[in-house]
Amino acid sequence: MNLSFPYAGEILSLSSALFWALAVVMMKRVGEKIHPVSINLFKNATGVILISMTLYIIGEPLINPGFVTREDYIRLIASAIIGMGLADIIFLHSLNIIGAGISALVDTVYSPFVILFAYLLLGEQLSAIQFLGG
């Protein structure tokens, strides 16, 4: 799938933020009745099913073995454990305790952490204009 059109990254990022905001509010509502671990298991299992169906329909492999190294697999597994496992369960617990609105305020530290880890682990640097938000 080729998504190279003007401002594709920005549009996709904003779309992701919109959908995540909606998902957070829905998860808060569900979290009032269902334990966070159960929500996370259901959410991730549903994701696996939907992604598998999508890949089958578009005729793409899940992972192209010729291009994926052992280190890539290790990073992928570690990312899944940290992000979809640990971080999501902690987030869902916090959502039940502090609510969606306050969670959104606390979540503003997400971006500085991503910038820090991108610098430390990936060597990425922001230009002065990017740092100022442009």
N, C-alpha and C. Protein backbone atom coordinates (compact mmCIF):
# COMPACT_ATOMS: atom_id res chain seq x y z
N MET A 1 0.85 -1.17 0.00
CA MET A 1 0.00 0.00 0.00
C MET A 1 0.90 1.24 0.00
N ASN A 2 0.70 2.10 -0.96
CA ASN A 2 1.51 3.30 -1.09
C ASN A 2 0.74 4.49 -0.53
N LEU A 3 1.27 5.06 0.52
CA LEU A 3 0.62 6.22 1.14
C LEU A 3 1.52 7.45 1.00
N SER A 4 2.03 7.67 -0.21
CA SER A 4 2.89 8.82 -0.42
C SER A 4 2.12 9.91 -1.14
N PHE A 5 1.45 10.72 -0.37
CA PHE A 5 0.76 11.90 -0.88
C PHE A 5 1.15 13.05 0.03
N PRO A 6 0.93 14.28 -0.39
CA PRO A 6 1.35 15.42 0.43
C PRO A 6 0.79 15.33 1.85
N TYR A 7 1.68 15.47 2.81
CA TYR A 7 1.34 15.49 4.24
C TYR A 7 0.74 14.17 4.72
N ALA A 8 1.08 13.06 4.07
CA ALA A 8 0.54 11.75 4.45
C ALA A 8 0.86 11.44 5.91
N GLY A 9 2.10 11.64 6.32
CA GLY A 9 2.49 11.34 7.70
C GLY A 9 1.72 12.17 8.71
N GLU A 10 1.58 13.45 8.43
CA GLU A 10 0.87 14.34 9.34
C GLU A 10 -0.62 13.97 9.43
N ILE A 11 -1.22 13.69 8.28
CA ILE A 11 -2.64 13.32 8.25
C ILE A 11 -2.86 12.01 8.99
N LEU A 12 -1.99 11.03 8.76
CA LEU A 12 -2.12 9.75 9.44
C LEU A 12 -1.90 9.91 10.95
N SER A 13 -0.94 10.74 11.35
CA SER A 13 -0.70 10.97 12.78
C SER A 13 -1.90 11.61 13.45
N LEU A 14 -2.49 12.62 12.80
CA LEU A 14 -3.68 13.26 13.37
C LEU A 14 -4.87 12.31 13.41
N SER A 15 -5.00 11.49 12.38
CA SER A 15 -6.07 10.49 12.37
C SER A 15 -5.89 9.50 13.51
N SER A 16 -4.66 9.08 13.73
CA SER A 16 -4.36 8.17 14.83
C SER A 16 -4.74 8.79 16.17
N ALA A 17 -4.41 10.06 16.36
CA ALA A 17 -4.76 10.75 17.60
C ALA A 17 -6.27 10.80 17.80
N LEU A 18 -7.00 11.08 16.74
CA LEU A 18 -8.46 11.13 16.82
C LEU A 18 -9.03 9.77 17.22
N PHE A 19 -8.56 8.72 16.55
CA PHE A 19 -9.08 7.38 16.85
C PHE A 19 -8.67 6.92 18.24
N TRP A 20 -7.43 7.27 18.67
CA TRP A 20 -7.02 6.89 20.02
C TRP A 20 -7.86 7.61 21.07
N ALA A 21 -8.18 8.87 20.84
CA ALA A 21 -9.02 9.60 21.79
C ALA A 21 -10.38 8.92 21.94
N LEU A 22 -10.96 8.53 20.83
CA LEU A 22 -12.25 7.83 20.88
C LEU A 22 -12.11 6.49 21.58
N ALA A 23 -11.04 5.76 21.28
CA ALA A 23 -10.81 4.45 21.91
C ALA A 23 -10.62 4.58 23.42
N VAL A 24 -9.91 5.62 23.86
CA VAL A 24 -9.68 5.82 25.30
C VAL A 24 -11.00 6.03 26.02
N VAL A 25 -11.85 6.87 25.47
CA VAL A 25 -13.15 7.12 26.10
C VAL A 25 -13.98 5.84 26.14
N MET A 26 -13.95 5.07 25.07
CA MET A 26 -14.70 3.81 25.05
C MET A 26 -14.12 2.81 26.04
N MET A 27 -12.78 2.74 26.14
CA MET A 27 -12.15 1.82 27.09
C MET A 27 -12.44 2.21 28.53
N LYS A 28 -12.54 3.51 28.79
CA LYS A 28 -12.90 3.97 30.14
C LYS A 28 -14.28 3.44 30.51
N ARG A 29 -15.21 3.54 29.59
CA ARG A 29 -16.57 3.07 29.85
C ARG A 29 -16.59 1.56 30.09
N VAL A 30 -15.90 0.82 29.24
CA VAL A 30 -15.84 -0.64 29.38
C VAL A 30 -15.10 -1.02 30.66
N GLY A 31 -14.06 -0.25 31.01
CA GLY A 31 -13.26 -0.53 32.19
C GLY A 31 -14.02 -0.41 33.49
N GLU A 32 -15.18 0.21 33.46
CA GLU A 32 -16.01 0.30 34.66
C GLU A 32 -16.61 -1.06 35.01
N LYS A 33 -16.65 -1.97 34.04
CA LYS A 33 -17.28 -3.28 34.25
C LYS A 33 -16.35 -4.46 34.04
N ILE A 34 -15.27 -4.25 33.28
CA ILE A 34 -14.39 -5.36 32.92
C ILE A 34 -12.97 -5.03 33.38
N HIS A 35 -12.26 -6.02 33.91
CA HIS A 35 -10.90 -5.84 34.42
C HIS A 35 -9.95 -5.44 33.28
N PRO A 36 -8.99 -4.55 33.56
CA PRO A 36 -8.06 -4.09 32.52
C PRO A 36 -7.30 -5.21 31.80
N VAL A 37 -6.92 -6.26 32.50
CA VAL A 37 -6.21 -7.36 31.84
C VAL A 37 -7.12 -8.03 30.81
N SER A 38 -8.38 -8.21 31.17
CA SER A 38 -9.34 -8.81 30.23
C SER A 38 -9.56 -7.92 29.02
N ILE A 39 -9.67 -6.62 29.26
CA ILE A 39 -9.83 -5.68 28.14
C ILE A 39 -8.63 -5.78 27.21
N ASN A 40 -7.44 -5.79 27.78
CA ASN A 40 -6.23 -5.84 26.97
C ASN A 40 -6.13 -7.13 26.17
N LEU A 41 -6.44 -8.25 26.80
CA LEU A 41 -6.41 -9.53 26.07
C LEU A 41 -7.41 -9.52 24.92
N PHE A 42 -8.62 -9.05 25.17
CA PHE A 42 -9.64 -9.01 24.13
C PHE A 42 -9.23 -8.06 23.01
N LYS A 43 -8.73 -6.88 23.38
CA LYS A 43 -8.31 -5.87 22.40
C LYS A 43 -7.19 -6.41 21.52
N ASN A 44 -6.20 -7.05 22.12
CA ASN A 44 -5.08 -7.57 21.34
C ASN A 44 -5.47 -8.76 20.48
N ALA A 45 -6.32 -9.64 21.01
CA ALA A 45 -6.78 -10.79 20.21
C ALA A 45 -7.60 -10.32 19.02
N THR A 46 -8.46 -9.34 19.25
CA THR A 46 -9.26 -8.77 18.16
C THR A 46 -8.35 -8.14 17.11
N GLY A 47 -7.32 -7.44 17.56
CA GLY A 47 -6.36 -6.83 16.65
C GLY A 47 -5.65 -7.86 15.79
N VAL A 48 -5.23 -8.96 16.39
CA VAL A 48 -4.55 -10.02 15.63
C VAL A 48 -5.48 -10.57 14.54
N ILE A 49 -6.72 -10.81 14.90
CA ILE A 49 -7.68 -11.35 13.94
C ILE A 49 -7.90 -10.37 12.79
N LEU A 50 -8.14 -9.10 13.11
CA LEU A 50 -8.41 -8.10 12.08
C LEU A 50 -7.20 -7.85 11.18
N ILE A 51 -6.01 -7.79 11.77
CA ILE A 51 -4.81 -7.59 10.97
C ILE A 51 -4.57 -8.79 10.06
N SER A 52 -4.76 -10.00 10.60
CA SER A 52 -4.59 -11.21 9.78
C SER A 52 -5.56 -11.22 8.60
N MET A 53 -6.81 -10.86 8.85
CA MET A 53 -7.80 -10.80 7.76
C MET A 53 -7.40 -9.76 6.72
N THR A 54 -6.95 -8.60 7.19
CA THR A 54 -6.54 -7.54 6.27
C THR A 54 -5.37 -7.98 5.41
N LEU A 55 -4.36 -8.58 6.03
CA LEU A 55 -3.20 -9.05 5.27
C LEU A 55 -3.59 -10.11 4.26
N TYR A 56 -4.49 -10.99 4.64
CA TYR A 56 -4.96 -12.03 3.71
C TYR A 56 -5.68 -11.39 2.52
N ILE A 57 -6.54 -10.42 2.79
CA ILE A 57 -7.31 -9.77 1.72
C ILE A 57 -6.40 -9.02 0.75
N ILE A 58 -5.40 -8.32 1.28
CA ILE A 58 -4.53 -7.55 0.39
C ILE A 58 -3.37 -8.39 -0.14
N GLY A 59 -3.26 -9.63 0.32
CA GLY A 59 -2.24 -10.54 -0.21
C GLY A 59 -0.83 -10.25 0.26
N GLU A 60 -0.68 -9.73 1.45
CA GLU A 60 0.64 -9.43 1.99
C GLU A 60 0.99 -10.41 3.11
N PRO A 61 2.27 -10.80 3.21
CA PRO A 61 2.66 -11.65 4.33
C PRO A 61 2.74 -10.82 5.61
N LEU A 62 2.56 -11.48 6.75
CA LEU A 62 2.69 -10.78 8.03
C LEU A 62 4.10 -10.24 8.19
N ILE A 63 5.06 -11.09 7.95
CA ILE A 63 6.46 -10.69 8.03
C ILE A 63 7.18 -11.32 6.84
N ASN A 64 7.94 -10.51 6.13
CA ASN A 64 8.71 -11.02 5.00
C ASN A 64 10.04 -11.54 5.54
N PRO A 65 10.20 -12.88 5.63
CA PRO A 65 11.39 -13.45 6.27
C PRO A 65 12.71 -13.04 5.64
N GLY A 66 12.71 -12.70 4.37
CA GLY A 66 13.95 -12.31 3.71
C GLY A 66 14.51 -10.98 4.18
N PHE A 67 13.68 -10.15 4.76
CA PHE A 67 14.11 -8.81 5.15
C PHE A 67 14.17 -8.62 6.66
N VAL A 68 13.77 -9.63 7.43
CA VAL A 68 13.69 -9.48 8.88
C VAL A 68 14.81 -10.28 9.53
N THR A 69 15.61 -9.60 10.34
CA THR A 69 16.72 -10.26 11.02
C THR A 69 16.28 -10.78 12.39
N ARG A 70 17.15 -11.55 13.00
CA ARG A 70 16.89 -12.06 14.35
C ARG A 70 16.70 -10.90 15.32
N GLU A 71 17.53 -9.86 15.18
CA GLU A 71 17.41 -8.68 16.05
C GLU A 71 16.07 -7.99 15.86
N ASP A 72 15.58 -7.96 14.62
CA ASP A 72 14.27 -7.37 14.35
C ASP A 72 13.17 -8.12 15.10
N TYR A 73 13.26 -9.47 15.07
CA TYR A 73 12.27 -10.27 15.78
C TYR A 73 12.33 -10.00 17.29
N ILE A 74 13.54 -9.90 17.82
CA ILE A 74 13.71 -9.63 19.25
C ILE A 74 13.12 -8.27 19.60
N ARG A 75 13.40 -7.26 18.78
CA ARG A 75 12.84 -5.92 19.02
C ARG A 75 11.32 -5.93 18.92
N LEU A 76 10.79 -6.67 17.96
CA LEU A 76 9.34 -6.76 17.77
C LEU A 76 8.68 -7.41 18.98
N ILE A 77 9.26 -8.49 19.46
CA ILE A 77 8.71 -9.18 20.63
C ILE A 77 8.82 -8.29 21.87
N ALA A 78 9.98 -7.65 22.07
CA ALA A 78 10.16 -6.76 23.22
C ALA A 78 9.17 -5.60 23.16
N SER A 79 8.98 -5.04 21.98
CA SER A 79 8.02 -3.94 21.81
C SER A 79 6.61 -4.39 22.16
N ALA A 80 6.24 -5.58 21.74
CA ALA A 80 4.90 -6.10 22.04
C ALA A 80 4.72 -6.30 23.53
N ILE A 81 5.73 -6.86 24.18
CA ILE A 81 5.63 -7.09 25.63
C ILE A 81 5.54 -5.77 26.37
N ILE A 82 6.40 -4.82 26.02
CA ILE A 82 6.43 -3.54 26.71
C ILE A 82 5.19 -2.71 26.39
N GLY A 83 4.87 -2.58 25.10
CA GLY A 83 3.78 -1.70 24.69
C GLY A 83 2.40 -2.30 24.85
N MET A 84 2.14 -3.39 24.14
CA MET A 84 0.79 -3.96 24.13
C MET A 84 0.51 -4.75 25.40
N GLY A 85 1.55 -5.20 26.07
CA GLY A 85 1.34 -5.94 27.31
C GLY A 85 1.36 -5.02 28.51
N LEU A 86 2.54 -4.65 28.93
CA LEU A 86 2.72 -3.90 30.16
C LEU A 86 2.12 -2.49 30.12
N ALA A 87 2.49 -1.69 29.13
CA ALA A 87 2.03 -0.30 29.08
C ALA A 87 0.51 -0.19 28.95
N ASP A 88 -0.09 -1.02 28.11
CA ASP A 88 -1.55 -0.95 27.95
C ASP A 88 -2.29 -1.35 29.21
N ILE A 89 -1.81 -2.38 29.91
CA ILE A 89 -2.47 -2.79 31.15
C ILE A 89 -2.33 -1.70 32.21
N ILE A 90 -1.14 -1.11 32.34
CA ILE A 90 -0.95 -0.02 33.29
C ILE A 90 -1.85 1.16 32.92
N PHE A 91 -1.90 1.48 31.62
CA PHE A 91 -2.75 2.58 31.17
C PHE A 91 -4.22 2.33 31.51
N LEU A 92 -4.71 1.12 31.25
CA LEU A 92 -6.11 0.81 31.52
C LEU A 92 -6.42 0.88 33.01
N HIS A 93 -5.48 0.44 33.85
CA HIS A 93 -5.67 0.59 35.30
C HIS A 93 -5.75 2.07 35.67
N SER A 94 -4.83 2.87 35.14
CA SER A 94 -4.82 4.30 35.47
C SER A 94 -6.08 4.99 34.97
N LEU A 95 -6.58 4.55 33.84
CA LEU A 95 -7.82 5.11 33.28
C LEU A 95 -8.98 4.91 34.24
N ASN A 96 -9.04 3.74 34.87
CA ASN A 96 -10.09 3.47 35.84
C ASN A 96 -9.95 4.34 37.09
N ILE A 97 -8.72 4.69 37.44
CA ILE A 97 -8.48 5.45 38.67
C ILE A 97 -8.65 6.95 38.46
N ILE A 98 -8.04 7.50 37.39
CA ILE A 98 -8.05 8.95 37.22
C ILE A 98 -8.99 9.46 36.14
N GLY A 99 -9.52 8.58 35.30
CA GLY A 99 -10.46 9.00 34.26
C GLY A 99 -9.77 9.41 32.97
N ALA A 100 -10.57 9.59 31.93
CA ALA A 100 -10.06 9.89 30.60
C ALA A 100 -9.47 11.30 30.50
N GLY A 101 -10.14 12.28 31.11
CA GLY A 101 -9.68 13.66 31.01
C GLY A 101 -8.33 13.89 31.65
N ILE A 102 -8.19 13.46 32.89
CA ILE A 102 -6.90 13.63 33.58
C ILE A 102 -5.84 12.77 32.92
N SER A 103 -6.23 11.59 32.46
CA SER A 103 -5.29 10.73 31.75
C SER A 103 -4.73 11.44 30.52
N ALA A 104 -5.57 12.19 29.82
CA ALA A 104 -5.10 12.94 28.65
C ALA A 104 -4.07 13.99 29.04
N LEU A 105 -4.28 14.64 30.18
CA LEU A 105 -3.31 15.63 30.64
C LEU A 105 -1.98 14.97 31.01
N VAL A 106 -2.05 13.86 31.73
CA VAL A 106 -0.84 13.14 32.11
C VAL A 106 -0.13 12.61 30.86
N ASP A 107 -0.90 12.25 29.86
CA ASP A 107 -0.35 11.68 28.62
C ASP A 107 0.50 12.68 27.84
N THR A 108 0.43 13.95 28.19
CA THR A 108 1.24 14.94 27.47
C THR A 108 2.73 14.73 27.69
N VAL A 109 3.12 13.96 28.70
CA VAL A 109 4.55 13.66 28.87
C VAL A 109 5.00 12.57 27.91
N TYR A 110 4.05 11.96 27.20
CA TYR A 110 4.37 10.92 26.22
C TYR A 110 5.34 11.46 25.16
N SER A 111 5.04 12.60 24.59
CA SER A 111 5.87 13.15 23.50
C SER A 111 7.31 13.42 23.93
N PRO A 112 7.53 14.09 25.06
CA PRO A 112 8.93 14.27 25.47
C PRO A 112 9.67 12.94 25.69
N PHE A 113 8.97 11.94 26.21
CA PHE A 113 9.61 10.63 26.38
C PHE A 113 9.95 10.00 25.03
N VAL A 114 9.06 10.10 24.06
CA VAL A 114 9.34 9.56 22.72
C VAL A 114 10.54 10.28 22.12
N ILE A 115 10.58 11.59 22.24
CA ILE A 115 11.71 12.37 21.71
C ILE A 115 13.01 11.95 22.38
N LEU A 116 12.98 11.80 23.71
CA LEU A 116 14.17 11.38 24.45
C LEU A 116 14.65 10.00 24.00
N PHE A 117 13.74 9.02 23.95
CA PHE A 117 14.15 7.67 23.56
C PHE A 117 14.54 7.60 22.08
N ALA A 118 13.92 8.41 21.22
CA ALA A 118 14.31 8.44 19.81
C ALA A 118 15.74 8.97 19.69
N TYR A 119 16.09 9.93 20.52
CA TYR A 119 17.45 10.47 20.52
C TYR A 119 18.44 9.44 21.06
N LEU A 120 18.10 8.85 22.23
CA LEU A 120 19.02 7.93 22.89
C LEU A 120 19.18 6.60 22.14
N LEU A 121 18.08 6.06 21.64
CA LEU A 121 18.11 4.72 21.05
C LEU A 121 18.24 4.70 19.53
N LEU A 122 17.78 5.77 18.88
CA LEU A 122 17.79 5.79 17.41
C LEU A 122 18.71 6.85 16.83
N GLY A 123 19.22 7.74 17.68
CA GLY A 123 20.09 8.80 17.21
C GLY A 123 19.36 9.90 16.46
N GLU A 124 18.03 9.96 16.60
CA GLU A 124 17.25 10.99 15.91
C GLU A 124 17.41 12.33 16.64
N GLN A 125 17.41 13.41 15.87
CA GLN A 125 17.51 14.74 16.44
C GLN A 125 16.47 15.64 15.82
N LEU A 126 15.93 16.54 16.61
CA LEU A 126 14.98 17.52 16.11
C LEU A 126 15.72 18.75 15.63
N SER A 127 15.24 19.33 14.53
CA SER A 127 15.78 20.62 14.11
C SER A 127 15.20 21.68 15.03
N ALA A 128 15.74 22.87 14.98
CA ALA A 128 15.24 23.95 15.83
C ALA A 128 13.77 24.23 15.55
N ILE A 129 13.37 24.24 14.29
CA ILE A 129 11.98 24.53 13.93
C ILE A 129 11.06 23.40 14.40
N GLN A 130 11.51 22.15 14.31
CA GLN A 130 10.71 21.03 14.81
C GLN A 130 10.57 21.11 16.33
N PHE A 131 11.64 21.47 17.00
CA PHE A 131 11.60 21.59 18.45
C PHE A 131 10.59 22.64 18.89
N LEU A 132 10.45 23.68 18.09
CA LEU A 132 9.50 24.76 18.41
C LEU A 132 8.08 24.43 17.97
N GLY A 133 7.89 23.26 17.36
CA GLY A 133 6.54 22.83 16.99
C GLY A 133 6.18 23.04 15.54
N GLY A 134 7.13 23.41 14.72
CA GLY A 134 6.82 23.67 13.31
C GLY A 134 7.19 22.56 12.39
